[in-house]
Amino acid sequence: MRRITSTELKNNLSYYLELSSKEDICVTKNGKSIAIITNTRDKSFAKFMELEGCLSDNYSDEEYDEIIGREIKKKCGF
């Protein structure tokens, strides 16, 4: 997974959108991971969407945010 700053993303958005079809991109701001750009055809994205569907019915917003944050940290290697 490639890590880039939010400024780098802003300055080169088209490039990173194209690159996201080949690899996941972790976007950071002030040294903290804030987003992941991933190919929607990727199996891990499909699993995420499946997880999101399960969580939306069974968990509070706080629990949902905590679980998603934990999964993003795993994916970014933290």
Protein backbone atom coordinates (compact mmCIF):
# COMPACT_ATOMS: atom_id res chain seq x y z
CA MET A 1 0.00 0.00 0.00
CA ARG A 2 1.30 3.41 -0.94
CA ARG A 3 1.13 6.21 1.66
CA ILE A 4 0.72 9.81 0.54
CA THR A 5 -0.15 13.11 2.18
CA SER A 6 -3.45 14.86 1.57
CA THR A 7 -1.52 17.69 -0.14
CA GLU A 8 0.12 15.20 -2.52
CA LEU A 9 -3.32 13.77 -3.31
CA LYS A 10 -4.79 17.22 -3.91
CA ASN A 11 -1.94 18.19 -6.25
CA ASN A 12 -2.01 14.92 -8.24
CA LEU A 13 -5.57 13.61 -7.90
CA SER A 14 -5.89 12.17 -11.43
CA TYR A 15 -2.63 10.25 -11.08
CA TYR A 16 -3.65 8.68 -7.76
CA LEU A 17 -7.14 7.81 -8.95
CA GLU A 18 -5.58 5.94 -11.86
CA LEU A 19 -3.01 4.31 -9.58
CA SER A 20 -5.76 3.13 -7.22
CA SER A 21 -6.82 0.61 -9.85
CA LYS A 22 -3.50 -1.16 -9.23
CA GLU A 23 -2.83 -0.62 -5.53
CA ASP A 24 -4.46 0.78 -2.41
CA ILE A 25 -3.44 4.27 -1.34
CA CYS A 26 -3.44 5.40 2.28
CA VAL A 27 -3.89 9.17 2.62
CA THR A 28 -2.39 10.90 5.66
CA LYS A 29 -2.82 14.33 7.19
CA ASN A 30 -0.55 15.62 9.93
CA GLY A 31 0.98 12.14 10.10
CA LYS A 32 -2.32 10.37 10.76
CA SER A 33 -4.15 8.08 8.35
CA ILE A 34 -7.42 9.67 7.26
CA ALA A 35 -8.55 7.73 4.18
CA ILE A 36 -7.89 4.79 1.92
CA ILE A 37 -8.43 4.92 -1.82
CA THR A 38 -9.08 1.45 -3.15
CA ASN A 39 -10.32 -0.21 -6.30
CA THR A 40 -14.02 -0.98 -5.91
CA ARG A 41 -13.49 -4.25 -7.76
CA ASP A 42 -10.99 -5.35 -5.13
CA LYS A 43 -12.13 -8.26 -2.96
CA SER A 44 -11.14 -6.42 0.22
CA PHE A 45 -13.47 -3.55 -0.72
CA ALA A 46 -16.30 -6.03 -1.24
CA LYS A 47 -15.61 -7.45 2.23
CA PHE A 48 -15.61 -3.93 3.66
CA MET A 49 -18.98 -3.19 2.09
CA GLU A 50 -20.29 -6.48 3.46
CA LEU A 51 -18.99 -5.54 6.91
CA GLU A 52 -20.52 -2.09 6.61
CA GLY A 53 -23.92 -3.60 5.90
CA CYS A 54 -23.71 -5.80 8.98
CA LEU A 55 -22.52 -3.03 11.24
CA SER A 56 -25.13 -0.50 10.25
CA ASP A 57 -27.88 -2.63 11.79
CA ASN A 58 -26.12 -3.96 14.86
CA TYR A 59 -23.83 -1.25 16.25
CA SER A 60 -24.04 2.33 17.48
CA ASP A 61 -22.30 5.08 15.51
CA GLU A 62 -19.45 5.18 18.06
CA GLU A 63 -18.85 1.43 17.86
CA TYR A 64 -19.08 1.55 14.06
CA ASP A 65 -16.49 4.36 13.88
CA GLU A 66 -14.18 2.50 16.25
CA ILE A 67 -14.36 -0.75 14.25
CA ILE A 68 -13.88 0.98 10.89
CA GLY A 69 -10.98 3.01 12.33
CA ARG A 70 -9.34 -0.19 13.57
CA GLU A 71 -9.72 -1.83 10.15
CA ILE A 72 -8.22 1.22 8.41
CA LYS A 73 -5.26 1.16 10.80
CA LYS A 74 -4.70 -2.53 10.01
CA LYS A 75 -4.86 -1.88 6.30
CA CYS A 76 -2.40 1.05 6.58
CA GLY A 77 -0.04 -1.07 8.66
CA PHE A 78 -0.48 0.63 12.06
